[in-house]
Structure formats: C-alpha cells, structure tokens
Amino acid sequence: MVVLKWTNKYSGETGYVASMSTKEQCFINTFSKEEAKRYSEKAVKGIMTKLEKYHETDNNIFETVEA
C-alpha cells in the first residue's frame, strides 16, 4: 500500500492526500502521513486520472510513497 504525497510547484509546501471529494472535485489534504489514505498501486492510476481531471496537477506534483 502507498500514500500520495503532493508538493506545490510554486511554494514548495508538501502534504498528503487524505481523501478525494468527487462533489467538490478536489483532494482533501493532511500534513500527517499517518492520516493519509492508503491506496493499492493499481488504484493510484485511477486517482491520478481524477486529480488531473480536477486540475490538481496544474499546481501540484504527486508521488507515491510507502505507507
């Protein structure tokens, strides 16, 4: 299992994806790795597609890290 870490391209701020909001079309942030949602490697591709669709990748770089 992995968690998604984000880094803002402009400020350098980092955090983790706690959840996804389909209604708000965004991700919910946490600064705690322990509070981040765990994903299977297979699920990450779908989550990344949603993040791109929600334009979250315009300002953030996402990477997977071991949970």
Protein backbone atom coordinates (compact mmCIF):
# COMPACT_ATOMS: atom_id res chain seq x y z
CA MET A 1 0.00 0.00 0.00
CA VAL A 2 1.10 3.53 -0.76
CA VAL A 3 0.05 7.09 0.06
CA LEU A 4 0.05 10.05 -2.30
CA LYS A 5 2.36 12.90 -1.37
CA TRP A 6 1.88 16.28 -3.01
CA THR A 7 4.29 19.14 -3.45
CA ASN A 8 3.11 22.57 -4.53
CA LYS A 9 5.09 23.60 -7.63
CA TYR A 10 5.32 27.23 -6.53
CA SER A 11 5.52 27.33 -2.74
CA GLY A 12 7.26 24.01 -2.14
CA GLU A 13 4.67 23.15 0.54
CA THR A 14 4.07 19.41 0.92
CA GLY A 15 1.37 17.17 2.33
CA TYR A 16 -0.59 14.02 1.70
CA VAL A 17 -3.95 13.10 0.18
CA ALA A 18 -6.37 12.25 2.99
CA SER A 19 -9.32 11.65 0.65
CA MET A 20 -10.91 12.64 -2.63
CA SER A 21 -14.08 14.72 -2.96
CA THR A 22 -16.00 13.92 -6.12
CA LYS A 23 -18.62 16.52 -5.23
CA GLU A 24 -16.06 19.32 -4.75
CA GLN A 25 -13.71 17.89 -7.41
CA CYS A 26 -10.60 18.18 -5.27
CA PHE A 27 -8.47 16.28 -2.82
CA ILE A 28 -8.64 16.73 0.94
CA ASN A 29 -5.24 17.47 2.40
CA THR A 30 -3.45 16.28 5.51
CA PHE A 31 0.06 17.06 6.67
CA SER A 32 0.27 13.75 8.54
CA LYS A 33 1.40 10.68 6.63
CA GLU A 34 -0.45 8.54 9.20
CA GLU A 35 -3.76 10.26 8.31
CA ALA A 36 -3.25 9.85 4.55
CA LYS A 37 -5.46 7.41 2.68
CA ARG A 38 -3.72 4.20 1.66
CA TYR A 39 -4.07 3.07 -1.94
CA SER A 40 -3.06 -0.04 -3.81
CA GLU A 41 -0.62 0.52 -6.66
CA LYS A 42 -3.46 -0.39 -9.03
CA ALA A 43 -5.80 2.24 -7.56
CA VAL A 44 -3.22 5.04 -7.92
CA LYS A 45 -3.69 5.24 -11.69
CA GLY A 46 -7.40 6.00 -11.29
CA ILE A 47 -6.76 8.53 -8.53
CA MET A 48 -4.15 10.28 -10.68
CA THR A 49 -6.67 10.47 -13.55
CA LYS A 50 -9.15 12.17 -11.21
CA LEU A 51 -6.50 14.58 -9.91
CA GLU A 52 -5.67 15.57 -13.50
CA LYS A 53 -9.37 15.95 -14.35
CA TYR A 54 -9.85 18.19 -11.28
CA HIS A 55 -6.81 20.28 -12.39
CA GLU A 56 -4.99 19.49 -9.15
CA THR A 57 -1.87 18.62 -11.16
CA ASP A 58 -1.70 22.20 -12.51
CA ASN A 59 -0.17 23.44 -9.25
CA ASN A 60 0.95 20.23 -7.54
CA ILE A 61 3.30 17.34 -8.18
CA PHE A 62 2.04 14.00 -6.86
CA GLU A 63 4.19 11.00 -5.99
CA THR A 64 3.60 7.70 -4.28
CA VAL A 65 5.45 6.85 -1.08
CA GLU A 66 5.33 3.71 1.02
CA ALA A 67 2.60 3.83 3.64
